[in-house]
Amino acid sequence: SFINLETDLLPSFDLPYVLVMTNYPGA
């Protein structure tokens, strides 16, 4: 297991955050 273990500095996991972006030109 140690030999086949892969190191990931930034593992993929979902954070409980959602960003909603809206553009309103000229406002």
PDB file of all heavy atoms in Angstrom:
ATOM      1  N   SER A   1       0.827  -1.209   0.000  1.00  0.00           N
ATOM      2  CA  SER A   1       0.000   0.000   0.000  1.00  0.00           C
ATOM      3  C   SER A   1       0.859   1.256   0.000  1.00  0.00           C
ATOM      4  O   SER A   1       0.553   2.252  -0.675  1.00  0.00           O
ATOM      5  CB  SER A   1      -0.938   0.002   1.209  1.00  0.00           C
ATOM      6  OG  SER A   1      -1.794  -1.132   1.179  1.00  0.00           O
ATOM      7  N   PHE A   2       1.937   1.233   0.764  1.00  0.00           N
ATOM      8  CA  PHE A   2       2.826   2.402   0.826  1.00  0.00           C
ATOM      9  C   PHE A   2       3.505   2.650  -0.511  1.00  0.00           C
ATOM     10  O   PHE A   2       3.680   3.804  -0.931  1.00  0.00           O
ATOM     11  CB  PHE A   2       3.869   2.196   1.917  1.00  0.00           C
ATOM     12  CG  PHE A   2       4.837   3.335   2.047  1.00  0.00           C
ATOM     13  CD1 PHE A   2       4.460   4.518   2.667  1.00  0.00           C
ATOM     14  CD2 PHE A   2       6.124   3.243   1.513  1.00  0.00           C
ATOM     15  CE1 PHE A   2       5.346   5.575   2.770  1.00  0.00           C
ATOM     16  CE2 PHE A   2       7.005   4.303   1.621  1.00  0.00           C
ATOM     17  CZ  PHE A   2       6.615   5.475   2.256  1.00  0.00           C
ATOM     18  N   ILE A   3       3.903   1.531  -1.190  1.00  0.00           N
ATOM     19  CA  ILE A   3       4.574   1.698  -2.487  1.00  0.00           C
ATOM     20  C   ILE A   3       3.610   2.268  -3.525  1.00  0.00           C
ATOM     21  O   ILE A   3       3.962   3.123  -4.344  1.00  0.00           O
ATOM     22  CB  ILE A   3       5.152   0.348  -2.950  1.00  0.00           C
ATOM     23  CG1 ILE A   3       6.302  -0.078  -2.011  1.00  0.00           C
ATOM     24  CG2 ILE A   3       5.662   0.441  -4.390  1.00  0.00           C
ATOM     25  CD1 ILE A   3       6.828  -1.460  -2.293  1.00  0.00           C
ATOM     26  N   ASN A   4       2.362   1.794  -3.495  1.00  0.00           N
ATOM     27  CA  ASN A   4       1.374   2.229  -4.491  1.00  0.00           C
ATOM     28  C   ASN A   4       0.612   3.494  -4.093  1.00  0.00           C
ATOM     29  O   ASN A   4      -0.267   3.942  -4.833  1.00  0.00           O
ATOM     30  CB  ASN A   4       0.359   1.108  -4.753  1.00  0.00           C
ATOM     31  CG  ASN A   4       1.016  -0.100  -5.389  1.00  0.00           C
ATOM     32  OD1 ASN A   4       1.957   0.027  -6.167  1.00  0.00           O
ATOM     33  ND2 ASN A   4       0.520  -1.289  -5.049  1.00  0.00           N
ATOM     34  N   LEU A   5       0.931   4.051  -2.946  1.00  0.00           N
ATOM     35  CA  LEU A   5       0.228   5.236  -2.476  1.00  0.00           C
ATOM     36  C   LEU A   5       0.622   6.447  -3.316  1.00  0.00           C
ATOM     37  O   LEU A   5       1.804   6.712  -3.524  1.00  0.00           O
ATOM     38  CB  LEU A   5       0.522   5.492  -0.999  1.00  0.00           C
ATOM     39  CG  LEU A   5      -0.181   6.693  -0.356  1.00  0.00           C
ATOM     40  CD1 LEU A   5      -1.691   6.456  -0.335  1.00  0.00           C
ATOM     41  CD2 LEU A   5       0.330   6.912   1.074  1.00  0.00           C
ATOM     42  N   GLU A   6      -0.397   7.208  -3.822  1.00  0.00           N
ATOM     43  CA  GLU A   6      -0.165   8.429  -4.588  1.00  0.00           C
ATOM     44  C   GLU A   6      -0.390   9.654  -3.719  1.00  0.00           C
ATOM     45  O   GLU A   6      -1.364   9.719  -2.971  1.00  0.00           O
ATOM     46  CB  GLU A   6      -1.094   8.484  -5.806  1.00  0.00           C
ATOM     47  CG  GLU A   6      -0.827   7.380  -6.814  1.00  0.00           C
ATOM     48  CD  GLU A   6      -1.749   7.493  -8.011  1.00  0.00           C
ATOM     49  OE1 GLU A   6      -2.599   8.414  -7.998  1.00  0.00           O
ATOM     50  OE2 GLU A   6      -1.631   6.681  -8.944  1.00  0.00           O
ATOM     51  N   THR A   7       0.517  10.602  -3.849  1.00  0.00           N
ATOM     52  CA  THR A   7       0.424  11.829  -3.057  1.00  0.00           C
ATOM     53  C   THR A   7      -0.267  12.928  -3.870  1.00  0.00           C
ATOM     54  O   THR A   7       0.098  13.172  -5.020  1.00  0.00           O
ATOM     55  CB  THR A   7       1.821  12.303  -2.637  1.00  0.00           C
ATOM     56  OG1 THR A   7       2.462  11.242  -1.910  1.00  0.00           O
ATOM     57  CG2 THR A   7       1.723  13.533  -1.760  1.00  0.00           C
ATOM     58  N   ASP A   8      -1.267  13.550  -3.278  1.00  0.00           N
ATOM     59  CA  ASP A   8      -2.007  14.640  -3.936  1.00  0.00           C
ATOM     60  C   ASP A   8      -2.010  15.837  -2.999  1.00  0.00           C
ATOM     61  O   ASP A   8      -2.592  15.799  -1.911  1.00  0.00           O
ATOM     62  CB  ASP A   8      -3.438  14.202  -4.235  1.00  0.00           C
ATOM     63  CG  ASP A   8      -4.136  15.195  -5.158  1.00  0.00           C
ATOM     64  OD1 ASP A   8      -3.539  16.258  -5.429  1.00  0.00           O
ATOM     65  OD2 ASP A   8      -5.255  14.896  -5.601  1.00  0.00           O
ATOM     66  N   LEU A   9      -1.306  16.891  -3.430  1.00  0.00           N
ATOM     67  CA  LEU A   9      -1.249  18.079  -2.589  1.00  0.00           C
ATOM     68  C   LEU A   9      -2.594  18.788  -2.497  1.00  0.00           C
ATOM     69  O   LEU A   9      -2.886  19.432  -1.488  1.00  0.00           O
ATOM     70  CB  LEU A   9      -0.196  19.050  -3.144  1.00  0.00           C
ATOM     71  CG  LEU A   9       1.246  18.525  -3.164  1.00  0.00           C
ATOM     72  CD1 LEU A   9       2.169  19.566  -3.788  1.00  0.00           C
ATOM     73  CD2 LEU A   9       1.716  18.169  -1.752  1.00  0.00           C
ATOM     74  N   LEU A  10      -3.404  18.673  -3.535  1.00  0.00           N
ATOM     75  CA  LEU A  10      -4.731  19.294  -3.538  1.00  0.00           C
ATOM     76  C   LEU A  10      -5.759  18.215  -3.863  1.00  0.00           C
ATOM     77  O   LEU A  10      -6.201  18.065  -5.006  1.00  0.00           O
ATOM     78  CB  LEU A  10      -4.805  20.416  -4.572  1.00  0.00           C
ATOM     79  CG  LEU A  10      -3.920  21.632  -4.297  1.00  0.00           C
ATOM     80  CD1 LEU A  10      -3.967  22.584  -5.481  1.00  0.00           C
ATOM     81  CD2 LEU A  10      -4.352  22.339  -3.027  1.00  0.00           C
ATOM     82  N   PRO A  11      -6.155  17.429  -2.889  1.00  0.00           N
ATOM     83  CA  PRO A  11      -7.136  16.365  -3.150  1.00  0.00           C
ATOM     84  C   PRO A  11      -8.480  16.960  -3.553  1.00  0.00           C
ATOM     85  O   PRO A  11      -8.849  18.048  -3.131  1.00  0.00           O
ATOM     86  CB  PRO A  11      -7.228  15.636  -1.813  1.00  0.00           C
ATOM     87  CG  PRO A  11      -6.818  16.644  -0.804  1.00  0.00           C
ATOM     88  CD  PRO A  11      -5.774  17.496  -1.462  1.00  0.00           C
ATOM     89  N   SER A  12      -9.204  16.217  -4.385  1.00  0.00           N
ATOM     90  CA  SER A  12     -10.489  16.687  -4.879  1.00  0.00           C
ATOM     91  C   SER A  12     -11.591  16.364  -3.886  1.00  0.00           C
ATOM     92  O   SER A  12     -11.837  15.195  -3.580  1.00  0.00           O
ATOM     93  CB  SER A  12     -10.800  16.031  -6.237  1.00  0.00           C
ATOM     94  OG  SER A  12     -12.051  16.448  -6.705  1.00  0.00           O
ATOM     95  N   PHE A  13     -12.217  17.379  -3.346  1.00  0.00           N
ATOM     96  CA  PHE A  13     -13.369  17.196  -2.469  1.00  0.00           C
ATOM     97  C   PHE A  13     -14.245  18.441  -2.599  1.00  0.00           C
ATOM     98  O   PHE A  13     -13.774  19.528  -2.929  1.00  0.00           O
ATOM     99  CB  PHE A  13     -12.957  16.951  -1.015  1.00  0.00           C
ATOM    100  CG  PHE A  13     -12.182  18.088  -0.404  1.00  0.00           C
ATOM    101  CD1 PHE A  13     -12.832  19.080   0.307  1.00  0.00           C
ATOM    102  CD2 PHE A  13     -10.794  18.164  -0.531  1.00  0.00           C
ATOM    103  CE1 PHE A  13     -12.121  20.124   0.867  1.00  0.00           C
ATOM    104  CE2 PHE A  13     -10.089  19.202   0.020  1.00  0.00           C
ATOM    105  CZ  PHE A  13     -10.746  20.187   0.721  1.00  0.00           C
ATOM    106  N   ASP A  14     -15.542  18.250  -2.367  1.00  0.00           N
ATOM    107  CA  ASP A  14     -16.514  19.327  -2.530  1.00  0.00           C
ATOM    108  C   ASP A  14     -16.650  20.118  -1.244  1.00  0.00           C
ATOM    109  O   ASP A  14     -16.863  19.547  -0.167  1.00  0.00           O
ATOM    110  CB  ASP A  14     -17.879  18.755  -2.934  1.00  0.00           C
ATOM    111  CG  ASP A  14     -17.854  18.185  -4.332  1.00  0.00           C
ATOM    112  OD1 ASP A  14     -17.048  18.676  -5.140  1.00  0.00           O
ATOM    113  OD2 ASP A  14     -18.624  17.240  -4.599  1.00  0.00           O
ATOM    114  N   LEU A  15     -16.540  21.425  -1.380  1.00  0.00           N
ATOM    115  CA  LEU A  15     -16.783  22.315  -0.249  1.00  0.00           C
ATOM    116  C   LEU A  15     -18.258  22.712  -0.243  1.00  0.00           C
ATOM    117  O   LEU A  15     -18.866  22.856  -1.307  1.00  0.00           O
ATOM    118  CB  LEU A  15     -15.914  23.569  -0.367  1.00  0.00           C
ATOM    119  CG  LEU A  15     -14.395  23.344  -0.320  1.00  0.00           C
ATOM    120  CD1 LEU A  15     -13.662  24.653  -0.561  1.00  0.00           C
ATOM    121  CD2 LEU A  15     -13.974  22.748   1.012  1.00  0.00           C
ATOM    122  N   PRO A  16     -18.850  22.900   0.923  1.00  0.00           N
ATOM    123  CA  PRO A  16     -20.285  23.240   0.992  1.00  0.00           C
ATOM    124  C   PRO A  16     -20.552  24.714   0.696  1.00  0.00           C
ATOM    125  O   PRO A  16     -21.212  25.413   1.466  1.00  0.00           O
ATOM    126  CB  PRO A  16     -20.656  22.873   2.430  1.00  0.00           C
ATOM    127  CG  PRO A  16     -19.405  23.110   3.194  1.00  0.00           C
ATOM    128  CD  PRO A  16     -18.272  22.725   2.273  1.00  0.00           C
ATOM    129  N   TYR A  17     -20.034  25.186  -0.424  1.00  0.00           N
ATOM    130  CA  TYR A  17     -20.209  26.590  -0.810  1.00  0.00           C
ATOM    131  C   TYR A  17     -20.640  26.655  -2.276  1.00  0.00           C
ATOM    132  O   TYR A  17     -20.168  25.893  -3.126  1.00  0.00           O
ATOM    133  CB  TYR A  17     -18.910  27.386  -0.638  1.00  0.00           C
ATOM    134  CG  TYR A  17     -18.483  27.568   0.800  1.00  0.00           C
ATOM    135  CD1 TYR A  17     -17.620  26.650   1.404  1.00  0.00           C
ATOM    136  CD2 TYR A  17     -18.927  28.646   1.550  1.00  0.00           C
ATOM    137  CE1 TYR A  17     -17.221  26.810   2.715  1.00  0.00           C
ATOM    138  CE2 TYR A  17     -18.525  28.817   2.866  1.00  0.00           C
ATOM    139  CZ  TYR A  17     -17.682  27.895   3.444  1.00  0.00           C
ATOM    140  OH  TYR A  17     -17.284  28.055   4.746  1.00  0.00           O
ATOM    141  N   VAL A  18     -21.530  27.601  -2.574  1.00  0.00           N
ATOM    142  CA  VAL A  18     -21.955  27.877  -3.943  1.00  0.00           C
ATOM    143  C   VAL A  18     -21.920  29.388  -4.134  1.00  0.00           C
ATOM    144  O   VAL A  18     -22.459  30.141  -3.306  1.00  0.00           O
ATOM    145  CB  VAL A  18     -23.366  27.330  -4.239  1.00  0.00           C
ATOM    146  CG1 VAL A  18     -23.815  27.756  -5.637  1.00  0.00           C
ATOM    147  CG2 VAL A  18     -23.383  25.815  -4.121  1.00  0.00           C
ATOM    148  N   LEU A  19     -21.309  29.824  -5.217  1.00  0.00           N
ATOM    149  CA  LEU A  19     -21.203  31.247  -5.530  1.00  0.00           C
ATOM    150  C   LEU A  19     -22.133  31.562  -6.708  1.00  0.00           C
ATOM    151  O   LEU A  19     -22.051  30.924  -7.758  1.00  0.00           O
ATOM    152  CB  LEU A  19     -19.757  31.604  -5.894  1.00  0.00           C
ATOM    153  CG  LEU A  19     -19.498  33.047  -6.354  1.00  0.00           C
ATOM    154  CD1 LEU A  19     -19.823  34.035  -5.252  1.00  0.00           C
ATOM    155  CD2 LEU A  19     -18.058  33.204  -6.810  1.00  0.00           C
ATOM    156  N   VAL A  20     -23.024  32.538  -6.520  1.00  0.00           N
ATOM    157  CA  VAL A  20     -23.950  32.987  -7.566  1.00  0.00           C
ATOM    158  C   VAL A  20     -23.483  34.358  -8.044  1.00  0.00           C
ATOM    159  O   VAL A  20     -23.497  35.322  -7.274  1.00  0.00           O
ATOM    160  CB  VAL A  20     -25.396  33.049  -7.058  1.00  0.00           C
ATOM    161  CG1 VAL A  20     -26.322  33.533  -8.176  1.00  0.00           C
ATOM    162  CG2 VAL A  20     -25.840  31.687  -6.557  1.00  0.00           C
ATOM    163  N   MET A  21     -23.077  34.433  -9.309  1.00  0.00           N
ATOM    164  CA  MET A  21     -22.546  35.676  -9.883  1.00  0.00           C
ATOM    165  C   MET A  21     -23.525  36.214 -10.925  1.00  0.00           C
ATOM    166  O   MET A  21     -24.000  35.458 -11.778  1.00  0.00           O
ATOM    167  CB  MET A  21     -21.176  35.439 -10.524  1.00  0.00           C
ATOM    168  CG  MET A  21     -20.119  34.965  -9.544  1.00  0.00           C
ATOM    169  SD  MET A  21     -18.504  34.711 -10.341  1.00  0.00           S
ATOM    170  CE  MET A  21     -18.908  33.396 -11.482  1.00  0.00           C
ATOM    171  N   THR A  22     -23.807  37.519 -10.856  1.00  0.00           N
ATOM    172  CA  THR A  22     -24.739  38.161 -11.785  1.00  0.00           C
ATOM    173  C   THR A  22     -24.145  39.489 -12.230  1.00  0.00           C
ATOM    174  O   THR A  22     -23.668  40.269 -11.400  1.00  0.00           O
ATOM    175  CB  THR A  22     -26.098  38.415 -11.114  1.00  0.00           C
ATOM    176  OG1 THR A  22     -26.565  37.205 -10.518  1.00  0.00           O
ATOM    177  CG2 THR A  22     -27.118  38.899 -12.140  1.00  0.00           C
ATOM    178  N   ASN A  23     -24.191  39.742 -13.534  1.00  0.00           N
ATOM    179  CA  ASN A  23     -23.688  40.995 -14.098  1.00  0.00           C
ATOM    180  C   ASN A  23     -24.853  41.918 -14.442  1.00  0.00           C
ATOM    181  O   ASN A  23     -25.855  41.484 -15.022  1.00  0.00           O
ATOM    182  CB  ASN A  23     -22.856  40.722 -15.355  1.00  0.00           C
ATOM    183  CG  ASN A  23     -21.566  39.995 -15.047  1.00  0.00           C
ATOM    184  OD1 ASN A  23     -20.962  40.187 -13.989  1.00  0.00           O
ATOM    185  ND2 ASN A  23     -21.129  39.146 -15.962  1.00  0.00           N
ATOM    186  N   TYR A  24     -24.709  43.195 -14.069  1.00  0.00           N
ATOM    187  CA  TYR A  24     -25.708  44.230 -14.380  1.00  0.00           C
ATOM    188  C   TYR A  24     -24.948  45.426 -14.936  1.00  0.00           C
ATOM    189  O   TYR A  24     -24.620  46.359 -14.204  1.00  0.00           O
ATOM    190  CB  TYR A  24     -26.478  44.590 -13.123  1.00  0.00           C
ATOM    191  CG  TYR A  24     -27.688  45.483 -13.366  1.00  0.00           C
ATOM    192  CD1 TYR A  24     -28.077  45.854 -14.643  1.00  0.00           C
ATOM    193  CD2 TYR A  24     -28.447  45.958 -12.300  1.00  0.00           C
ATOM    194  CE1 TYR A  24     -29.173  46.652 -14.869  1.00  0.00           C
ATOM    195  CE2 TYR A  24     -29.563  46.758 -12.519  1.00  0.00           C
ATOM    196  CZ  TYR A  24     -29.903  47.108 -13.800  1.00  0.00           C
ATOM    197  OH  TYR A  24     -31.004  47.912 -14.033  1.00  0.00           O
ATOM    198  N   PRO A  25     -24.640  45.434 -16.242  1.00  0.00           N
ATOM    199  CA  PRO A  25     -23.806  46.504 -16.815  1.00  0.00           C
ATOM    200  C   PRO A  25     -24.428  47.878 -16.631  1.00  0.00           C
ATOM    201  O   PRO A  25     -25.627  48.069 -16.817  1.00  0.00           O
ATOM    202  CB  PRO A  25     -23.734  46.117 -18.308  1.00  0.00           C
ATOM    203  CG  PRO A  25     -24.058  44.666 -18.361  1.00  0.00           C
ATOM    204  CD  PRO A  25     -25.037  44.433 -17.249  1.00  0.00           C
ATOM    205  N   GLY A  26     -23.571  48.839 -16.254  1.00  0.00           N
ATOM    206  CA  GLY A  26     -23.994  50.224 -16.132  1.00  0.00           C
ATOM    207  C   GLY A  26     -24.705  50.575 -14.841  1.00  0.00           C
ATOM    208  O   GLY A  26     -25.159  51.704 -14.688  1.00  0.00           O
ATOM    209  N   ALA A  27     -24.807  49.623 -13.892  1.00  0.00           N
ATOM    210  CA  ALA A  27     -25.537  49.880 -12.645  1.00  0.00           C
ATOM    211  C   ALA A  27     -24.563  50.231 -11.529  1.00  0.00           C
ATOM    212  O   ALA A  27     -23.449  49.718 -11.461  1.00  0.00           O
ATOM    213  CB  ALA A  27     -26.369  48.660 -12.252  1.00  0.00           C
TER     214      ALA A  27
END
